[in-house]
Amino acid sequence: MKHLLGIVMLTLSGCFSEEDRIYTVDELMADEVLLAKITSECRNNPGALRQTPNCQNAAAADWKLRLERMNRALGG
């Protein structure tokens, strides 16, 4: 039974790629390399990707990071 469960889990895990994952704004803010990658992909294909959750979350994360940097630069 354990083997069957393991096989089923491995099979299902192959159905979802890393590209299918939806990242949260906080996750993207914490990983600026991933944020830059997703932002670049979104900017290179705005017609198809603009309304996707990852592009929207990347835009929000980028905006929040810019505000945080601006706040620190102004001494806040």
N, C-alpha and C. Protein backbone atom coordinates (compact mmCIF):
# COMPACT_ATOMS: atom_id res chain seq x y z
N MET A 1 0.83 -1.19 0.00
CA MET A 1 0.00 0.00 0.00
C MET A 1 0.87 1.26 0.00
N LYS A 2 1.96 1.25 0.77
CA LYS A 2 2.84 2.42 0.80
C LYS A 2 3.45 2.68 -0.56
N HIS A 3 3.79 1.59 -1.26
CA HIS A 3 4.39 1.76 -2.58
C HIS A 3 3.40 2.36 -3.56
N LEU A 4 2.14 1.93 -3.47
CA LEU A 4 1.12 2.47 -4.36
C LEU A 4 0.93 3.96 -4.10
N LEU A 5 0.89 4.34 -2.84
CA LEU A 5 0.74 5.75 -2.50
C LEU A 5 1.92 6.56 -3.02
N GLY A 6 3.12 6.02 -2.88
CA GLY A 6 4.32 6.69 -3.38
C GLY A 6 4.29 6.87 -4.88
N ILE A 7 3.84 5.87 -5.59
CA ILE A 7 3.76 5.94 -7.05
C ILE A 7 2.74 6.99 -7.47
N VAL A 8 1.60 7.00 -6.80
CA VAL A 8 0.57 7.97 -7.12
C VAL A 8 1.08 9.39 -6.88
N MET A 9 1.76 9.61 -5.77
CA MET A 9 2.27 10.95 -5.46
C MET A 9 3.32 11.38 -6.48
N LEU A 10 4.22 10.48 -6.86
CA LEU A 10 5.23 10.82 -7.86
C LEU A 10 4.59 11.13 -9.21
N THR A 11 3.59 10.38 -9.56
CA THR A 11 2.90 10.62 -10.83
C THR A 11 2.22 11.98 -10.82
N LEU A 12 1.53 12.30 -9.74
CA LEU A 12 0.85 13.59 -9.66
C LEU A 12 1.82 14.75 -9.61
N SER A 13 2.95 14.56 -8.94
CA SER A 13 3.91 15.66 -8.84
C SER A 13 4.50 16.00 -10.20
N GLY A 14 4.51 15.05 -11.11
CA GLY A 14 5.00 15.30 -12.46
C GLY A 14 4.02 16.10 -13.30
N CYS A 15 2.78 16.18 -12.86
CA CYS A 15 1.75 16.90 -13.62
C CYS A 15 1.86 18.40 -13.46
N PHE A 16 2.49 18.84 -12.42
CA PHE A 16 2.56 20.27 -12.14
C PHE A 16 4.02 20.70 -12.19
N SER A 17 4.30 21.62 -13.09
CA SER A 17 5.67 22.12 -13.18
C SER A 17 5.83 23.33 -12.28
N GLU A 18 7.05 23.77 -12.13
CA GLU A 18 7.34 24.94 -11.32
C GLU A 18 6.68 26.18 -11.91
N GLU A 19 6.46 26.17 -13.23
CA GLU A 19 5.83 27.31 -13.90
C GLU A 19 4.36 27.43 -13.52
N ASP A 20 3.73 26.33 -13.12
CA ASP A 20 2.32 26.36 -12.74
C ASP A 20 2.10 26.92 -11.35
N ARG A 21 3.15 27.04 -10.59
CA ARG A 21 3.03 27.49 -9.21
C ARG A 21 2.72 28.98 -9.19
N ILE A 22 1.83 29.35 -8.31
CA ILE A 22 1.51 30.76 -8.13
C ILE A 22 2.23 31.24 -6.88
N TYR A 23 3.10 32.22 -7.05
CA TYR A 23 3.88 32.76 -5.95
C TYR A 23 3.12 33.92 -5.31
N THR A 24 3.24 34.03 -4.00
CA THR A 24 2.62 35.14 -3.29
C THR A 24 3.50 36.37 -3.40
N VAL A 25 2.93 37.51 -3.08
CA VAL A 25 3.68 38.76 -3.10
C VAL A 25 4.85 38.66 -2.12
N ASP A 26 4.62 38.11 -0.93
CA ASP A 26 5.68 37.99 0.07
C ASP A 26 6.81 37.09 -0.40
N GLU A 27 6.46 35.98 -1.07
CA GLU A 27 7.49 35.08 -1.59
C GLU A 27 8.35 35.80 -2.63
N LEU A 28 7.71 36.57 -3.49
CA LEU A 28 8.45 37.29 -4.53
C LEU A 28 9.30 38.41 -3.95
N MET A 29 8.81 39.05 -2.90
CA MET A 29 9.60 40.10 -2.26
C MET A 29 10.84 39.50 -1.59
N ALA A 30 10.73 38.29 -1.09
CA ALA A 30 11.85 37.64 -0.42
C ALA A 30 12.87 37.08 -1.40
N ASP A 31 12.48 36.83 -2.64
CA ASP A 31 13.38 36.24 -3.64
C ASP A 31 13.42 37.17 -4.85
N GLU A 32 14.33 38.12 -4.82
CA GLU A 32 14.38 39.13 -5.87
C GLU A 32 14.84 38.57 -7.21
N VAL A 33 15.57 37.45 -7.20
CA VAL A 33 15.98 36.81 -8.46
C VAL A 33 14.74 36.24 -9.15
N LEU A 34 13.90 35.56 -8.38
CA LEU A 34 12.65 35.02 -8.92
C LEU A 34 11.74 36.15 -9.37
N LEU A 35 11.67 37.21 -8.60
CA LEU A 35 10.86 38.37 -8.96
C LEU A 35 11.33 38.95 -10.29
N ALA A 36 12.62 39.09 -10.47
CA ALA A 36 13.16 39.64 -11.72
C ALA A 36 12.84 38.72 -12.89
N LYS A 37 12.92 37.41 -12.69
CA LYS A 37 12.63 36.44 -13.75
C LYS A 37 11.17 36.55 -14.18
N ILE A 38 10.27 36.54 -13.21
CA ILE A 38 8.84 36.60 -13.54
C ILE A 38 8.49 37.94 -14.16
N THR A 39 9.04 39.02 -13.62
CA THR A 39 8.78 40.36 -14.17
C THR A 39 9.24 40.45 -15.62
N SER A 40 10.40 39.89 -15.90
CA SER A 40 10.93 39.90 -17.26
C SER A 40 10.02 39.12 -18.20
N GLU A 41 9.59 37.95 -17.78
CA GLU A 41 8.69 37.14 -18.60
C GLU A 41 7.39 37.89 -18.88
N CYS A 42 6.87 38.55 -17.86
CA CYS A 42 5.61 39.28 -18.00
C CYS A 42 5.76 40.46 -18.96
N ARG A 43 6.88 41.15 -18.87
CA ARG A 43 7.12 42.30 -19.75
C ARG A 43 7.37 41.87 -21.19
N ASN A 44 7.93 40.67 -21.38
CA ASN A 44 8.21 40.18 -22.72
C ASN A 44 6.96 39.66 -23.44
N ASN A 45 5.91 39.36 -22.69
CA ASN A 45 4.69 38.85 -23.29
C ASN A 45 3.47 39.39 -22.54
N PRO A 46 3.29 40.70 -22.55
CA PRO A 46 2.21 41.29 -21.74
C PRO A 46 0.81 40.90 -22.20
N GLY A 47 0.63 40.68 -23.49
CA GLY A 47 -0.70 40.33 -23.99
C GLY A 47 -1.21 39.03 -23.40
N ALA A 48 -0.34 38.04 -23.28
CA ALA A 48 -0.75 36.73 -22.79
C ALA A 48 -0.62 36.60 -21.28
N LEU A 49 0.32 37.34 -20.67
CA LEU A 49 0.63 37.09 -19.27
C LEU A 49 0.18 38.17 -18.30
N ARG A 50 -0.18 39.33 -18.79
CA ARG A 50 -0.45 40.47 -17.91
C ARG A 50 -1.47 40.16 -16.80
N GLN A 51 -2.50 39.41 -17.12
CA GLN A 51 -3.56 39.14 -16.16
C GLN A 51 -3.35 37.87 -15.34
N THR A 52 -2.22 37.21 -15.50
CA THR A 52 -1.97 35.98 -14.74
C THR A 52 -1.65 36.34 -13.28
N PRO A 53 -1.96 35.44 -12.36
CA PRO A 53 -1.69 35.73 -10.94
C PRO A 53 -0.22 36.03 -10.65
N ASN A 54 0.69 35.30 -11.29
CA ASN A 54 2.11 35.55 -11.02
C ASN A 54 2.55 36.92 -11.50
N CYS A 55 2.04 37.36 -12.64
CA CYS A 55 2.41 38.69 -13.13
C CYS A 55 1.81 39.78 -12.24
N GLN A 56 0.60 39.59 -11.82
CA GLN A 56 -0.02 40.57 -10.94
C GLN A 56 0.69 40.60 -9.59
N ASN A 57 1.05 39.44 -9.05
CA ASN A 57 1.77 39.40 -7.77
C ASN A 57 3.17 39.97 -7.92
N ALA A 58 3.82 39.72 -9.06
CA ALA A 58 5.15 40.28 -9.29
C ALA A 58 5.09 41.80 -9.36
N ALA A 59 4.08 42.33 -10.02
CA ALA A 59 3.94 43.78 -10.10
C ALA A 59 3.71 44.38 -8.71
N ALA A 60 2.89 43.72 -7.91
CA ALA A 60 2.63 44.21 -6.55
C ALA A 60 3.90 44.12 -5.69
N ALA A 61 4.63 43.02 -5.83
CA ALA A 61 5.87 42.86 -5.06
C ALA A 61 6.90 43.91 -5.46
N ASP A 62 7.02 44.14 -6.77
CA ASP A 62 7.96 45.16 -7.25
C ASP A 62 7.59 46.53 -6.71
N TRP A 63 6.31 46.86 -6.72
CA TRP A 63 5.84 48.14 -6.21
C TRP A 63 6.15 48.28 -4.72
N LYS A 64 5.87 47.23 -3.95
CA LYS A 64 6.13 47.29 -2.50
C LYS A 64 7.63 47.45 -2.22
N LEU A 65 8.46 46.71 -2.96
CA LEU A 65 9.90 46.83 -2.76
C LEU A 65 10.39 48.24 -3.10
N ARG A 66 9.87 48.82 -4.15
CA ARG A 66 10.25 50.19 -4.52
C ARG A 66 9.85 51.19 -3.43
N LEU A 67 8.65 51.01 -2.88
CA LEU A 67 8.21 51.89 -1.80
C LEU A 67 9.09 51.73 -0.56
N GLU A 68 9.45 50.48 -0.23
CA GLU A 68 10.32 50.26 0.92
C GLU A 68 11.68 50.92 0.72
N ARG A 69 12.24 50.78 -0.48
CA ARG A 69 13.54 51.40 -0.76
C ARG A 69 13.46 52.92 -0.70
N MET A 70 12.38 53.47 -1.24
CA MET A 70 12.20 54.91 -1.22
C MET A 70 12.06 55.40 0.23
N ASN A 71 11.33 54.67 1.03
CA ASN A 71 11.13 55.03 2.43
C ASN A 71 12.47 55.01 3.18
N ARG A 72 13.28 53.99 2.93
CA ARG A 72 14.59 53.91 3.58
C ARG A 72 15.50 55.05 3.11
N ALA A 73 15.43 55.37 1.82
CA ALA A 73 16.27 56.44 1.28
C ALA A 73 15.91 57.79 1.89
N LEU A 74 14.64 57.93 2.23
CA LEU A 74 14.19 59.20 2.83
C LEU A 74 14.34 59.20 4.34
N GLY A 75 14.92 58.15 4.86
CA GLY A 75 15.19 58.11 6.31
C GLY A 75 14.06 57.55 7.15
N GLY A 76 13.14 56.85 6.53
CA GLY A 76 11.99 56.32 7.25
C GLY A 76 12.12 54.94 7.74
